[in-house]
Protein backbone atom coordinates (compact mmCIF):
# COMPACT_ATOMS: atom_id res chain seq x y z
CA MET A 1 -29.76 11.88 -178.95
CA LYS A 2 -33.14 10.69 -180.16
CA SER A 3 -34.19 11.30 -183.74
CA SER A 4 -37.17 13.61 -184.26
CA ARG A 5 -38.20 11.61 -187.29
CA ARG A 6 -41.01 9.24 -186.53
CA PRO A 7 -40.75 5.67 -187.79
CA VAL A 8 -42.34 4.79 -191.09
CA VAL A 9 -45.57 2.88 -190.60
CA GLY A 10 -46.54 -0.21 -192.50
CA ARG A 11 -46.44 -3.96 -192.21
CA VAL A 12 -43.06 -5.71 -192.31
CA VAL A 13 -43.02 -8.51 -194.87
CA SER A 14 -40.82 -11.55 -195.32
CA ARG A 15 -38.31 -11.97 -198.14
CA ASP A 16 -40.48 -14.52 -199.92
CA GLU A 17 -43.53 -12.30 -199.74
CA ALA A 18 -41.62 -9.26 -200.94
CA ARG A 19 -40.44 -11.09 -204.02
CA HIS A 20 -43.99 -11.68 -205.19
CA PRO A 21 -45.95 -8.42 -205.55
CA ALA A 22 -49.43 -8.57 -206.99
CA ALA A 23 -49.60 -9.59 -210.64
CA GLY A 24 -49.96 -6.84 -213.23
CA LEU A 25 -48.01 -4.23 -211.25
CA HIS A 26 -44.66 -2.67 -212.12
CA PRO A 27 -42.30 -0.73 -209.83
CA VAL A 28 -41.94 3.05 -209.89
CA GLY A 29 -38.97 4.06 -207.75
CA GLY A 30 -38.08 7.32 -206.08
CA ILE A 31 -39.79 9.55 -203.55
CA HIS A 32 -40.94 12.15 -206.08
CA SER A 33 -42.25 9.55 -208.54
CA ALA A 34 -44.03 7.57 -205.83
CA ARG A 35 -45.60 10.76 -204.47
CA ALA A 36 -46.81 11.74 -207.95
CA ALA A 37 -48.35 8.30 -208.48
CA LEU A 38 -50.15 8.49 -205.13
CA LYS A 39 -51.37 12.07 -205.63
CA PHE A 40 -52.47 11.90 -209.24
CA GLY A 41 -53.17 8.24 -209.93
CA SER A 42 -53.67 6.48 -206.62
CA GLU A 43 -56.37 4.24 -208.09
CA GLY A 44 -53.63 2.58 -210.13
CA VAL A 45 -51.26 2.04 -207.19
CA GLY A 46 -51.46 -1.44 -205.69
CA GLU A 47 -48.83 -1.21 -202.96
CA LEU A 48 -46.17 1.09 -201.55
CA TRP A 49 -42.91 -0.47 -200.39
CA LEU A 50 -40.67 1.45 -198.01
CA ASP A 51 -37.19 0.73 -196.68
CA ARG A 52 -37.81 -0.42 -193.11
CA SER A 53 -34.31 0.56 -191.97
CA ARG A 54 -34.45 4.12 -193.22
CA ARG A 55 -35.69 6.99 -191.06
CA ASP A 56 -36.78 9.79 -193.34
CA ARG A 57 -39.60 12.28 -192.85
CA ARG A 58 -40.43 12.08 -196.54
CA LEU A 59 -41.04 8.34 -196.30
CA SER A 60 -43.39 8.91 -193.38
CA GLU A 61 -45.25 11.49 -195.45
CA LEU A 62 -45.50 8.98 -198.30
CA ALA A 63 -46.91 6.39 -195.91
CA ASP A 64 -49.53 8.88 -194.72
CA LEU A 65 -50.43 9.77 -198.30
CA ALA A 66 -50.79 6.09 -199.20
CA SER A 67 -52.95 5.38 -196.16
CA GLN A 68 -55.24 8.28 -197.04
CA ALA A 69 -55.60 6.85 -200.55
CA GLY A 70 -56.31 3.35 -199.26
CA VAL A 71 -53.04 1.96 -200.63
CA LYS A 72 -51.33 -0.85 -198.72
CA VAL A 73 -47.99 0.16 -197.18
CA ARG A 74 -45.29 -2.45 -196.62
CA GLN A 75 -41.90 -2.15 -194.97
CA VAL A 76 -39.31 -4.36 -196.65
CA GLU A 77 -35.62 -5.08 -196.22
CA ARG A 78 -33.29 -2.83 -198.17
CA ASP A 79 -31.86 -5.65 -200.28
CA GLU A 80 -35.36 -6.67 -201.37
CA LEU A 81 -36.09 -3.08 -202.33
CA GLU A 82 -32.85 -2.94 -204.32
CA ARG A 83 -33.70 -6.15 -206.14
CA ALA A 84 -37.23 -5.05 -207.00
CA ALA A 85 -36.09 -1.59 -208.13
CA GLU A 86 -33.82 -3.15 -210.79
CA GLY A 87 -31.27 -0.36 -210.72
CA THR A 88 -33.69 2.52 -210.21
CA ASN A 89 -32.66 5.14 -207.65
CA HIS A 90 -35.54 4.31 -205.32
CA GLN A 91 -34.54 6.53 -202.32
CA GLY A 92 -36.21 4.01 -200.03
CA ALA A 93 -39.59 4.10 -201.76
CA LEU A 94 -41.12 1.90 -204.44
CA ALA A 95 -44.71 2.23 -205.65
CA TRP A 96 -46.19 -0.78 -207.43
CA VAL A 97 -48.53 0.57 -210.08
CA ARG A 98 -50.67 -0.75 -212.88
CA VAL A 99 -49.83 0.23 -216.43
CA PRO A 100 -52.19 3.15 -217.06
CA ALA A 101 -54.69 2.96 -219.88
CA ALA A 102 -54.11 5.23 -222.85
CA ARG A 103 -56.70 7.92 -223.51
CA SER A 104 -58.86 7.70 -226.62
CA GLU A 105 -59.69 10.14 -229.40
CA GLN A 106 -63.00 10.76 -227.65
CA ASP A 107 -61.10 11.92 -224.56
CA LEU A 108 -59.00 14.43 -226.48
CA ASP A 109 -61.66 17.13 -226.85
CA GLY A 110 -62.31 17.10 -223.12
CA LEU A 111 -58.61 17.31 -222.35
CA LEU A 112 -58.21 20.31 -224.65
CA GLU A 113 -61.23 22.07 -223.15
CA ARG A 114 -59.71 21.82 -219.66
CA ILE A 115 -56.37 23.35 -220.61
CA ALA A 116 -55.84 26.79 -219.11
CA GLY A 117 -53.78 28.96 -221.42
CA PRO A 118 -52.25 28.07 -224.79
CA PRO A 119 -52.18 24.30 -225.37
CA PHE A 120 -48.75 22.67 -225.39
CA LEU A 121 -48.84 19.22 -227.03
CA LEU A 122 -46.34 16.61 -228.21
CA LEU A 123 -47.24 14.44 -231.20
CA LEU A 124 -45.16 11.32 -231.89
CA ASP A 125 -45.37 9.78 -235.35
CA GLU A 126 -44.83 6.00 -235.10
CA VAL A 127 -42.23 5.98 -232.32
CA GLN A 128 -41.69 2.26 -231.72
CA ASP A 129 -38.95 1.95 -229.11
CA PRO A 130 -40.36 1.76 -225.55
CA HIS A 131 -37.28 3.44 -224.09
CA ASN A 132 -37.70 6.37 -226.47
CA LEU A 133 -41.39 6.72 -225.63
CA GLY A 134 -40.68 6.54 -221.91
CA ALA A 135 -37.98 9.19 -222.20
CA CYS A 136 -40.28 11.41 -224.29
CA LEU A 137 -43.04 11.13 -221.68
CA ARG A 138 -40.66 11.96 -218.85
CA THR A 139 -39.26 15.00 -220.65
CA ALA A 140 -42.68 16.17 -221.82
CA GLU A 141 -44.10 16.00 -218.31
CA GLY A 142 -41.14 17.95 -216.98
CA ALA A 143 -41.55 20.62 -219.65
CA GLY A 144 -45.23 21.14 -218.86
CA VAL A 145 -46.76 19.45 -221.90
CA HIS A 146 -50.52 18.96 -221.53
CA ALA A 147 -50.82 15.71 -223.51
CA VAL A 148 -48.86 13.37 -225.78
CA ILE A 149 -50.64 12.11 -228.91
CA ALA A 150 -49.61 9.09 -230.98
CA PRO A 151 -51.15 6.66 -233.47
CA LYS A 152 -52.52 3.32 -232.30
CA ASP A 153 -50.86 1.36 -235.10
CA ASN A 154 -47.15 0.94 -235.81
CA ALA A 155 -46.24 2.63 -232.54
CA VAL A 156 -45.43 1.41 -229.06
CA GLY A 157 -48.13 1.92 -226.43
CA LEU A 158 -47.88 2.11 -222.66
CA THR A 159 -45.97 -0.91 -221.35
CA PRO A 160 -44.12 -1.71 -218.11
CA VAL A 161 -40.83 -0.77 -219.81
CA VAL A 162 -42.27 2.56 -220.99
CA CYS A 163 -43.61 3.31 -217.52
CA LYS A 164 -40.32 2.44 -215.83
CA VAL A 165 -38.34 4.74 -218.13
CA ALA A 166 -40.96 7.48 -217.73
CA SER A 167 -40.36 7.45 -213.95
CA GLY A 168 -43.92 8.35 -213.00
CA ALA A 169 -44.79 10.54 -216.00
CA ALA A 170 -46.91 7.83 -217.63
CA GLU A 171 -49.21 7.91 -214.61
CA THR A 172 -49.69 11.69 -214.65
CA LEU A 173 -49.37 12.88 -218.28
CA PRO A 174 -52.29 12.02 -220.60
CA TYR A 175 -51.18 9.71 -223.42
CA VAL A 176 -53.71 9.73 -226.25
CA GLN A 177 -53.79 7.05 -228.95
CA VAL A 178 -55.62 7.95 -232.16
CA THR A 179 -56.67 5.93 -235.19
CA ASN A 180 -55.61 8.50 -237.78
CA LEU A 181 -52.87 10.93 -236.77
CA ALA A 182 -53.28 13.13 -239.86
CA ARG A 183 -57.00 13.55 -239.18
CA THR A 184 -56.29 14.41 -235.56
CA MET A 185 -53.75 16.98 -236.71
CA GLY A 186 -56.42 18.53 -238.91
CA ASN A 187 -58.77 18.77 -235.93
CA LEU A 188 -56.05 20.40 -233.83
CA LYS A 189 -55.41 22.97 -236.56
CA GLU A 190 -59.12 23.84 -236.59
CA ARG A 191 -58.74 24.63 -232.89
CA GLY A 192 -55.98 27.10 -233.70
CA ILE A 193 -53.12 24.90 -232.55
CA TRP A 194 -49.98 25.57 -234.61
CA LEU A 195 -48.32 22.30 -235.62
CA THR A 196 -44.54 22.44 -235.82
CA GLY A 197 -42.78 19.41 -237.26
CA THR A 198 -39.09 18.61 -237.12
CA SER A 199 -37.04 17.72 -240.19
CA GLY A 200 -33.35 17.80 -240.97
CA ASP A 201 -33.98 19.52 -244.31
CA ALA A 202 -36.19 22.34 -242.99
CA ASP A 203 -35.15 25.89 -243.84
CA THR A 204 -35.93 27.35 -240.40
CA GLU A 205 -33.82 26.55 -237.35
CA LEU A 206 -35.60 25.70 -234.11
CA TYR A 207 -34.25 28.77 -232.33
CA ALA A 208 -35.64 31.11 -234.99
CA ALA A 209 -39.20 29.79 -234.62
CA ASP A 210 -41.87 31.37 -232.41
CA LEU A 211 -43.08 28.60 -230.07
CA THR A 212 -45.07 30.76 -227.66
CA GLY A 213 -48.67 30.23 -228.83
CA PRO A 214 -50.93 27.17 -229.00
CA LEU A 215 -48.38 24.56 -230.04
CA GLY A 216 -48.24 20.96 -231.18
CA LEU A 217 -44.66 19.77 -231.58
CA VAL A 218 -44.52 16.86 -234.04
CA MET A 219 -41.63 14.37 -233.85
CA GLY A 220 -40.98 11.57 -236.33
CA SER A 221 -40.03 7.94 -235.83
CA GLU A 222 -36.55 6.71 -234.97
CA GLY A 223 -35.67 5.51 -238.45
CA THR A 224 -37.63 7.45 -241.06
CA GLY A 225 -38.71 10.65 -239.38
CA LEU A 226 -42.07 12.17 -240.27
CA ARG A 227 -44.28 10.31 -242.70
CA ARG A 228 -45.30 12.20 -245.83
CA LEU A 229 -48.91 12.81 -244.76
CA THR A 230 -47.86 13.84 -241.27
CA ARG A 231 -45.34 16.24 -242.74
CA GLU A 232 -47.96 17.74 -245.07
CA HIS A 233 -50.29 18.43 -242.13
CA CYS A 234 -47.65 20.46 -240.28
CA ASP A 235 -47.98 24.24 -240.46
CA ARG A 236 -44.20 24.60 -240.55
CA LEU A 237 -41.03 22.57 -240.26
CA VAL A 238 -37.97 23.36 -238.16
CA ARG A 239 -34.57 21.75 -237.85
CA LEU A 240 -32.11 21.40 -235.03
CA PRO A 241 -28.70 22.90 -235.84
CA MET A 242 -26.12 20.12 -236.12
CA CYS A 243 -22.61 21.51 -235.72
CA GLY A 244 -20.63 18.29 -235.49
CA THR A 245 -20.28 15.22 -237.68
CA VAL A 246 -23.45 13.39 -236.61
CA GLU A 247 -26.46 13.96 -238.84
CA SER A 248 -29.29 13.60 -236.32
CA LEU A 249 -30.24 13.03 -232.69
CA ASN A 250 -32.20 10.28 -231.02
CA VAL A 251 -35.92 11.16 -231.09
CA SER A 252 -36.17 11.45 -227.31
CA VAL A 253 -33.12 13.73 -227.18
CA ALA A 254 -34.43 15.86 -230.05
CA ALA A 255 -37.83 16.07 -228.37
CA GLY A 256 -36.18 17.25 -225.17
CA VAL A 257 -34.26 20.00 -226.98
CA CYS A 258 -37.40 21.21 -228.76
CA LEU A 259 -39.70 21.01 -225.74
CA TYR A 260 -37.38 22.95 -223.49
CA GLU A 261 -36.78 25.62 -226.11
CA ALA A 262 -40.56 25.98 -226.31
CA LEU A 263 -40.74 26.14 -222.51
CA ARG A 264 -38.02 28.80 -222.41
CA GLN A 265 -39.89 30.97 -224.90
CA ARG A 266 -43.24 30.49 -223.18
CA ARG A 267 -41.97 31.19 -219.68
CA TRP A 268 -39.55 33.99 -220.60
CA PRO A 269 -40.95 35.61 -223.77
CA PRO A 270 -38.67 38.12 -225.52
């Protein structure tokens, strides 16, 4: 019986060629992540690698999408794809993308003006671990956050490691770096955005807070939490209930808990 799935188009490359993608590109694995990169940031995609032995309609659709965007499509051997993916669940697809440029303070006003409905923002105060930033970006994108804001100094920016952990979110979710986070927080408050910081000594638990309106969720650094000035610029502080023996959660885990509680309230208001 013949398969109804048409073969994936693209040039077959040798092992040596496959090991040397264009300089300055990093791999984003997975059909969904590759599709997102092609749909929302194709100008940053250098090449699309597909498993030449796999017959999958979704891979053919990716190849069509890449061709429409002017992105080179290459068919490679599965073992080369595995090696390049470095443990990522690639599903037969690997997009080679450039590290996206962070947005500037000047871009922030335009981003806010284009938001339909109450703004939903994540502010990170001096998060320095690239794995934490990547995980925060991935979770924020999944929760429907409109932009992530962080200081330029004493914080990790967008790097290949961040982008790999973010699994495509770094290419689609605006990441804004600002010179003075406290000043930016003041500007957001003038726009009516309610800034909610997280602190272990806050009186109000997360689940008792109203997170349905214009919201900026403010998370502190891995070691010291919110800086004093950042804390003072928050409209309120909330804490996550800790019922076991550990005193705190990793910042990316805590951000995920807070973001999805906000999403729950915003999508299913009481």
